[in-house]
Amino acid sequence: MPAETKPADVKPVNTKPPEERPKAVKRIDTMLAVFDLETKGKVDNDISYPLSESIRREVVKSGKYEVIDRGNMNKILGEQKFQLSGCAAGECIVEAGQLLGVGKIITGSVSLVGKTYYLSLSLINVETGKIEDVSEDECKCEVDDLIKSSKRLVKKLLGESVPEPQISVKPELKSREVAEGEYYVSGKNPNGSSYSGSVSISRNGDMFRLVWRISMNVYTGTGQLRGNILTVNWGAADPVIYTVQEDGILAGTWAGGTATEILTPKNIK
């Protein structure tokens, strides 16, 4: 009798006709794609976006690769009807890289154990499907300090020298307060045009509600404060991400970092 075949030995068969399968494009080895970090455990999903954007910027600054931006990634994969949601396995990530035509991929995760964040990044070769390098870091810190940790990880992953972080003992940091009330708003759209108006901010428990009044238009959004970062979802694909400054001003970016916005308090309660 033939030996019994174990389920693990059986590879799933792609039943789609060849003409329906996504087609890979010509690979450019100097191109790199950064996939949004996977959040695990008690980590807020909103952390993934600013960390992933920080990683993209750091790779660009290194000058070693051309980085495909998040918007183009989603557009290309959408045209190929490729579902990136839930795509964490190696073969799935590599297939996405083939469709994007990149030579390398950076993927990773962020998790929280107690009060310590753990970040991990992997550099994957799209042609071979192999992980070329792994970089890990831990940070007992506030959310906004994770950006510094992500920058160190990228340098390690790309073989650059990384200065040792200065360790200092200091009291536990508290989140900066976002005052309820009216704010002046000024900003620039992705196309470079300017806009201005007002924003009202109210709070209900841990949730903040923002109402923008710009020209004749009214927009609403809700968000949460983590450390000094206020992330507000307002119905668009990408949230508005504000950094709360010591003087109470909120400096933000939106549209995947291609647009900026400043909120200046009028009257603080």
Protein backbone atom coordinates (compact mmCIF):
# COMPACT_ATOMS: atom_id res chain seq x y z
CA MET A 1 0.00 0.00 0.00
CA PRO A 2 1.27 3.51 -0.68
CA ALA A 3 2.50 5.42 2.34
CA GLU A 4 -0.09 7.65 3.96
CA THR A 5 0.26 11.26 2.90
CA LYS A 6 0.34 13.70 5.78
CA PRO A 7 -1.79 16.86 5.47
CA ALA A 8 1.34 18.98 5.94
CA ASP A 9 2.84 17.38 2.83
CA VAL A 10 -0.02 18.47 0.63
CA LYS A 11 0.26 21.90 -0.94
CA PRO A 12 -2.93 23.79 -1.76
CA VAL A 13 -3.74 23.88 -5.44
CA ASN A 14 -4.57 27.17 -7.14
CA THR A 15 -7.86 26.33 -8.85
CA LYS A 16 -8.21 29.64 -10.65
CA PRO A 17 -7.82 29.50 -14.43
CA PRO A 18 -4.49 31.02 -15.56
CA GLU A 19 -6.21 34.04 -17.08
CA GLU A 20 -7.83 34.90 -13.71
CA ARG A 21 -4.67 34.73 -11.64
CA PRO A 22 -2.83 37.98 -10.79
CA LYS A 23 0.12 38.52 -13.09
CA ALA A 24 3.57 39.41 -11.78
CA VAL A 25 5.28 42.39 -13.36
CA LYS A 26 8.93 42.83 -14.29
CA ARG A 27 10.99 42.96 -11.11
CA ILE A 28 13.21 45.95 -10.31
CA ASP A 29 15.80 44.83 -7.76
CA THR A 30 16.42 48.36 -6.46
CA MET A 31 12.74 48.81 -5.58
CA LEU A 32 11.50 47.97 -2.08
CA ALA A 33 8.03 47.75 -0.51
CA VAL A 34 7.27 48.17 3.19
CA PHE A 35 4.16 46.36 4.36
CA ASP A 36 2.22 47.80 7.30
CA LEU A 37 3.38 46.27 10.58
CA GLU A 38 1.22 43.55 12.07
CA THR A 39 -0.05 44.47 15.54
CA LYS A 40 -0.27 41.66 18.07
CA GLY A 41 -1.89 41.25 21.45
CA LYS A 42 -2.99 44.45 23.18
CA VAL A 43 -1.28 46.79 20.72
CA ASP A 44 -3.64 49.38 19.23
CA ASN A 45 -4.06 48.91 15.47
CA ASP A 46 -3.60 52.67 14.96
CA ILE A 47 0.07 52.33 15.92
CA SER A 48 0.84 50.35 12.77
CA TYR A 49 0.42 53.22 10.30
CA PRO A 50 2.81 55.85 11.79
CA LEU A 51 5.45 53.18 12.50
CA SER A 52 5.24 51.81 8.96
CA GLU A 53 5.51 55.33 7.52
CA SER A 54 8.57 55.98 9.70
CA ILE A 55 10.19 52.83 8.33
CA ARG A 56 9.48 53.92 4.73
CA ARG A 57 11.04 57.33 5.34
CA GLU A 58 14.13 55.81 6.96
CA VAL A 59 14.70 53.45 4.02
CA VAL A 60 14.39 56.39 1.61
CA LYS A 61 16.92 58.38 3.65
CA SER A 62 19.40 55.49 3.43
CA GLY A 63 19.53 55.91 -0.36
CA LYS A 64 19.90 52.14 -0.84
CA TYR A 65 16.45 51.51 -2.34
CA GLU A 66 13.62 53.25 -4.11
CA VAL A 67 10.54 52.79 -1.94
CA ILE A 68 7.07 52.34 -3.40
CA ASP A 69 4.62 54.45 -1.41
CA ARG A 70 1.63 52.99 0.39
CA GLY A 71 -0.93 54.57 -1.94
CA ASN A 72 0.63 53.06 -5.07
CA MET A 73 0.95 49.69 -3.34
CA ASN A 74 -2.76 49.61 -2.59
CA LYS A 75 -3.62 50.82 -6.10
CA ILE A 76 -1.52 48.18 -7.88
CA LEU A 77 -2.68 45.32 -5.68
CA GLY A 78 -6.28 46.53 -5.96
CA GLU A 79 -6.08 46.50 -9.75
CA GLN A 80 -4.83 42.91 -9.52
CA LYS A 81 -7.69 42.11 -7.09
CA PHE A 82 -5.13 40.92 -4.56
CA GLN A 83 -6.37 40.88 -0.97
CA LEU A 84 -3.59 42.25 1.23
CA SER A 85 -5.77 42.08 4.35
CA GLY A 86 -4.67 39.11 6.44
CA CYS A 87 -1.66 38.48 4.19
CA ALA A 88 1.01 37.63 6.77
CA ALA A 89 2.35 34.26 5.58
CA GLY A 90 5.63 34.15 3.67
CA GLU A 91 4.24 32.89 0.35
CA CYS A 92 1.46 35.48 0.39
CA ILE A 93 3.89 38.34 1.07
CA VAL A 94 6.24 37.18 -1.70
CA GLU A 95 3.36 36.94 -4.18
CA ALA A 96 2.37 40.51 -3.34
CA GLY A 97 5.97 41.58 -3.92
CA GLN A 98 5.97 39.91 -7.33
CA LEU A 99 2.81 41.79 -8.30
CA LEU A 100 4.42 45.06 -7.18
CA GLY A 101 7.58 44.34 -9.16
CA VAL A 102 9.92 45.01 -6.23
CA GLY A 103 13.17 43.24 -5.41
CA LYS A 104 12.91 43.38 -1.62
CA ILE A 105 10.17 43.54 1.01
CA ILE A 106 10.25 44.70 4.61
CA THR A 107 7.59 43.20 6.83
CA GLY A 108 7.30 43.03 10.60
CA SER A 109 5.27 43.16 13.77
CA VAL A 110 4.87 45.08 17.02
CA SER A 111 3.66 43.48 20.24
CA LEU A 112 3.28 44.53 23.87
CA VAL A 113 4.20 42.45 26.92
CA GLY A 114 3.56 44.24 30.18
CA LYS A 115 4.90 47.74 29.53
CA THR A 116 7.51 46.70 26.98
CA TYR A 117 7.02 46.94 23.21
CA TYR A 118 8.74 44.39 20.98
CA LEU A 119 9.43 45.28 17.34
CA SER A 120 10.64 42.89 14.69
CA LEU A 121 11.47 43.53 11.01
CA SER A 122 12.38 41.07 8.26
CA LEU A 123 14.05 41.80 4.91
CA ILE A 124 12.74 39.38 2.27
CA ASN A 125 14.19 38.66 -1.17
CA VAL A 126 11.26 38.49 -3.60
CA GLU A 127 13.13 36.40 -6.19
CA THR A 128 14.14 33.63 -3.76
CA GLY A 129 11.40 34.09 -1.18
CA LYS A 130 14.03 33.84 1.56
CA ILE A 131 14.42 36.06 4.61
CA GLU A 132 17.79 37.76 4.19
CA ASP A 133 17.96 39.44 7.58
CA VAL A 134 15.96 40.00 10.76
CA SER A 135 16.22 42.95 13.13
CA GLU A 136 14.59 43.11 16.57
CA ASP A 137 14.32 45.72 19.28
CA GLU A 138 12.50 46.21 22.58
CA CYS A 139 11.34 49.48 24.04
CA LYS A 140 9.94 50.11 27.51
CA CYS A 141 8.59 53.45 26.44
CA GLU A 142 5.69 55.59 25.33
CA VAL A 143 4.15 55.11 21.90
CA ASP A 144 5.89 58.13 20.35
CA ASP A 145 9.31 56.71 21.34
CA LEU A 146 8.57 53.66 19.18
CA ILE A 147 9.37 55.83 16.16
CA LYS A 148 13.00 56.06 17.34
CA SER A 149 13.05 52.30 17.87
CA SER A 150 11.75 51.68 14.34
CA LYS A 151 14.50 53.91 12.90
CA ARG A 152 17.17 51.91 14.74
CA LEU A 153 15.69 48.69 13.38
CA VAL A 154 15.86 49.91 9.78
CA LYS A 155 19.52 50.91 10.17
CA LYS A 156 20.34 47.46 11.56
CA LEU A 157 18.40 45.76 8.79
CA LEU A 158 20.24 47.69 6.08
CA GLY A 159 23.65 47.10 7.66
CA GLU A 160 24.21 50.66 8.84
CA SER A 161 25.92 51.60 12.09
CA VAL A 162 23.51 52.28 14.92
CA PRO A 163 24.54 54.43 17.90
CA GLU A 164 23.66 52.88 21.23
CA PRO A 165 20.59 54.57 22.73
CA GLN A 166 21.28 56.64 25.81
CA ILE A 167 19.69 55.04 28.84
CA SER A 168 18.42 57.36 31.51
CA VAL A 169 16.23 56.80 34.53
CA LYS A 170 13.26 59.11 34.56
CA PRO A 171 9.71 59.07 35.91
CA GLU A 172 7.03 57.45 33.81
CA LEU A 173 5.78 59.85 31.13
CA LYS A 174 2.14 60.81 31.00
CA SER A 175 0.14 61.61 27.92
CA ARG A 176 -0.09 65.30 27.06
CA GLU A 177 -3.57 66.68 27.39
CA VAL A 178 -5.68 67.67 24.40
CA ALA A 179 -7.85 70.58 25.49
CA GLU A 180 -11.53 70.59 24.61
CA GLY A 181 -12.71 73.68 22.77
CA GLU A 182 -12.33 75.61 19.55
CA TYR A 183 -9.21 75.61 17.37
CA TYR A 184 -8.04 77.50 14.31
CA VAL A 185 -7.08 75.10 11.53
CA SER A 186 -4.67 75.74 8.67
CA GLY A 187 -3.25 73.19 6.30
CA LYS A 188 -2.12 72.09 2.87
CA ASN A 189 -3.85 69.55 0.65
CA PRO A 190 -1.91 66.80 -1.18
CA ASN A 191 -1.93 68.99 -4.31
CA GLY A 192 -0.26 71.86 -2.43
CA SER A 193 -3.31 74.14 -2.13
CA SER A 194 -3.96 75.75 1.25
CA TYR A 195 -7.09 75.73 3.40
CA SER A 196 -8.20 77.22 6.72
CA GLY A 197 -11.18 77.18 9.05
CA SER A 198 -12.03 75.99 12.54
CA VAL A 199 -12.17 72.73 14.47
CA SER A 200 -14.08 71.92 17.65
CA ILE A 201 -12.76 69.16 19.91
CA SER A 202 -14.84 67.40 22.55
CA ARG A 203 -14.11 64.37 24.69
CA ASN A 204 -16.16 61.42 25.92
CA GLY A 205 -14.07 59.11 28.09
CA ASP A 206 -11.02 58.05 26.10
CA MET A 207 -12.53 59.11 22.78
CA PHE A 208 -12.08 62.52 21.16
CA ARG A 209 -14.54 63.91 18.63
CA LEU A 210 -13.40 66.47 16.07
CA VAL A 211 -15.64 68.59 13.85
CA TRP A 212 -13.88 70.50 11.04
CA ARG A 213 -15.59 73.51 9.43
CA ILE A 214 -13.69 74.47 6.29
CA SER A 215 -15.35 76.85 3.80
CA MET A 216 -18.88 75.45 3.40
CA ASN A 217 -17.89 71.89 4.29
CA VAL A 218 -18.21 70.04 7.59
CA TYR A 219 -16.19 66.92 8.43
CA THR A 220 -16.28 64.77 11.56
CA GLY A 221 -13.88 62.25 13.06
CA THR A 222 -13.11 60.33 16.25
CA GLY A 223 -9.80 59.31 17.72
CA GLN A 224 -7.76 58.26 20.73
CA LEU A 225 -4.66 59.67 22.39
CA ARG A 226 -1.63 57.42 22.90
CA GLY A 227 1.27 59.21 24.55
CA ASN A 228 1.62 62.40 22.52
CA ILE A 229 -0.02 60.99 19.38
CA LEU A 230 -3.69 61.63 18.59
CA THR A 231 -4.90 59.42 15.73
CA VAL A 232 -8.24 60.49 14.23
CA ASN A 233 -10.28 58.44 11.77
CA TRP A 234 -12.50 60.65 9.63
CA GLY A 235 -13.82 58.37 6.88
CA ALA A 236 -10.84 58.49 4.52
CA ALA A 237 -8.46 55.60 3.86
CA ASP A 238 -5.73 57.15 6.03
CA PRO A 239 -6.28 58.82 9.42
CA VAL A 240 -5.12 62.25 10.54
CA ILE A 241 -2.15 61.79 12.89
CA TYR A 242 -1.45 64.69 15.25
CA THR A 243 1.53 65.23 17.53
CA VAL A 244 0.45 67.13 20.66
CA GLN A 245 3.02 69.83 21.41
CA GLU A 246 3.82 71.31 24.82
CA ASP A 247 2.07 74.58 23.96
CA GLY A 248 -1.19 72.76 23.14
CA ILE A 249 -0.84 73.06 19.36
CA LEU A 250 -1.61 69.91 17.35
CA ALA A 251 0.67 69.34 14.34
CA GLY A 252 -0.72 66.70 12.00
CA THR A 253 -0.37 64.89 8.71
CA TRP A 254 -2.98 63.11 6.59
CA ALA A 255 -3.44 61.50 3.16
CA GLY A 256 -0.56 59.15 3.86
CA GLY A 257 1.75 61.97 4.95
CA THR A 258 1.29 64.00 1.74
CA ALA A 259 -0.81 66.69 3.46
CA THR A 260 -0.28 68.71 6.66
CA GLU A 261 -2.50 70.42 9.21
CA ILE A 262 -1.99 72.64 12.27
CA LEU A 263 -4.61 73.12 15.01
CA THR A 264 -4.08 76.17 17.23
CA PRO A 265 -6.36 76.52 20.29
CA LYS A 266 -8.63 79.58 20.49
CA ASN A 267 -10.04 79.15 23.99
CA ILE A 268 -8.96 76.36 26.33
CA LYS A 269 -11.39 75.06 28.92
